[in-house]
Amino acid sequence: MGLVQREIEAAGFTTIILSPIADLTASLSVPRVAAIEYPCGRTFGQPGDAAGQMAVLRATLDALAAIDAPGAVVNLPFEWRIAQRGAQPIH
């Protein structure tokens, strides 16, 4: 994903990646990372939770607007609260 993101940036578009594994993602030298404490595969939250998904999208876009230097990681203010087998955040 980092390679694609860098190519899009080279074309003049600002990008951000939403990642539940921010340390790993940042190690790929991506331009901007929005870190979220959600499980892999559920980065935007629970299926059918349109309000929660919209909140994640808005927070990600706000982070994109706020980051002024490439390489920054912003921790989004969301926490996984639903205990489900196989759907736990990676720490």
Protein backbone atom coordinates (compact mmCIF):
# COMPACT_ATOMS: atom_id res chain seq x y z
CA MET A 1 0.00 0.00 0.00
CA GLY A 2 2.86 2.38 0.78
CA LEU A 3 4.19 2.20 -2.77
CA VAL A 4 0.78 3.06 -4.23
CA GLN A 5 0.36 5.88 -1.73
CA ARG A 6 3.75 7.38 -2.63
CA GLU A 7 2.92 7.21 -6.36
CA ILE A 8 -0.40 8.98 -5.80
CA GLU A 9 1.41 11.64 -3.77
CA ALA A 10 3.97 12.05 -6.57
CA ALA A 11 1.06 12.84 -8.89
CA GLY A 12 0.10 15.74 -6.61
CA PHE A 13 -2.61 14.19 -4.44
CA THR A 14 -2.43 14.16 -0.64
CA THR A 15 -3.07 10.73 0.88
CA ILE A 16 -3.56 9.07 4.25
CA ILE A 17 -3.82 5.42 5.20
CA LEU A 18 -6.14 4.18 7.95
CA SER A 19 -4.31 1.43 9.79
CA PRO A 20 -4.96 -0.84 12.77
CA ILE A 21 -1.22 -1.66 12.79
CA ALA A 22 0.25 1.84 12.79
CA ASP A 23 3.81 0.90 13.79
CA LEU A 24 4.13 -1.55 10.91
CA THR A 25 2.46 0.82 8.46
CA ALA A 26 4.68 3.73 9.49
CA SER A 27 7.78 1.55 9.03
CA LEU A 28 6.88 1.35 5.32
CA SER A 29 7.61 5.10 5.00
CA VAL A 30 4.08 6.01 3.97
CA PRO A 31 3.33 9.74 3.82
CA ARG A 32 0.58 9.84 6.49
CA VAL A 33 -1.02 7.33 8.86
CA ALA A 34 -4.28 7.50 10.79
CA ALA A 35 -3.95 4.86 13.53
CA ILE A 36 -7.06 3.16 14.87
CA GLU A 37 -7.47 0.58 17.65
CA TYR A 38 -9.81 -1.62 15.62
CA PRO A 39 -9.20 -5.19 14.46
CA CYS A 40 -7.76 -5.94 11.03
CA GLY A 41 -10.62 -6.31 8.60
CA ARG A 42 -12.84 -4.02 10.66
CA THR A 43 -10.92 -0.79 10.18
CA PHE A 44 -14.11 1.24 9.77
CA GLY A 45 -15.97 -0.57 12.56
CA GLN A 46 -18.92 -2.91 12.78
CA PRO A 47 -20.88 -3.88 9.66
CA GLY A 48 -24.12 -1.93 9.50
CA ASP A 49 -22.92 0.83 11.86
CA ALA A 50 -23.19 3.68 9.37
CA ALA A 51 -22.86 6.39 12.04
CA GLY A 52 -19.71 4.82 13.48
CA GLN A 53 -18.21 4.30 10.04
CA MET A 54 -18.94 7.92 9.11
CA ALA A 55 -17.27 9.08 12.34
CA VAL A 56 -14.12 7.11 11.44
CA LEU A 57 -14.13 8.54 7.91
CA ARG A 58 -14.54 12.11 9.18
CA ALA A 59 -11.79 11.69 11.77
CA THR A 60 -9.48 10.28 9.09
CA LEU A 61 -10.16 13.22 6.77
CA ASP A 62 -9.66 15.65 9.68
CA ALA A 63 -6.29 14.00 10.36
CA LEU A 64 -5.39 14.36 6.68
CA ALA A 65 -6.16 18.08 6.84
CA ALA A 66 -4.24 18.54 10.11
CA ILE A 67 -1.01 16.75 9.19
CA ASP A 68 1.47 19.26 7.81
CA ALA A 69 4.53 17.04 7.46
CA PRO A 70 4.92 13.72 5.65
CA GLY A 71 5.59 10.71 7.83
CA ALA A 72 3.23 11.74 10.62
CA VAL A 73 1.05 9.29 12.54
CA VAL A 74 -2.21 10.51 14.11
CA ASN A 75 -3.98 8.32 16.65
CA LEU A 76 -7.72 8.43 16.09
CA PRO A 77 -9.96 8.62 19.19
CA PHE A 78 -11.72 5.29 18.70
CA GLU A 79 -11.50 2.14 20.78
CA TRP A 80 -12.83 -1.33 19.98
CA ARG A 81 -15.45 -2.12 22.60
CA ILE A 82 -17.08 -5.27 21.27
CA ALA A 83 -15.55 -8.50 22.49
CA GLN A 84 -15.83 -10.91 19.60
CA ARG A 85 -13.81 -13.99 18.99
CA GLY A 86 -11.35 -13.34 16.19
CA ALA A 87 -12.03 -9.61 16.08
CA GLN A 88 -9.58 -8.06 18.53
CA PRO A 89 -7.27 -5.11 17.92
CA ILE A 90 -3.57 -5.77 17.49
CA HIS A 91 -1.39 -4.04 20.09
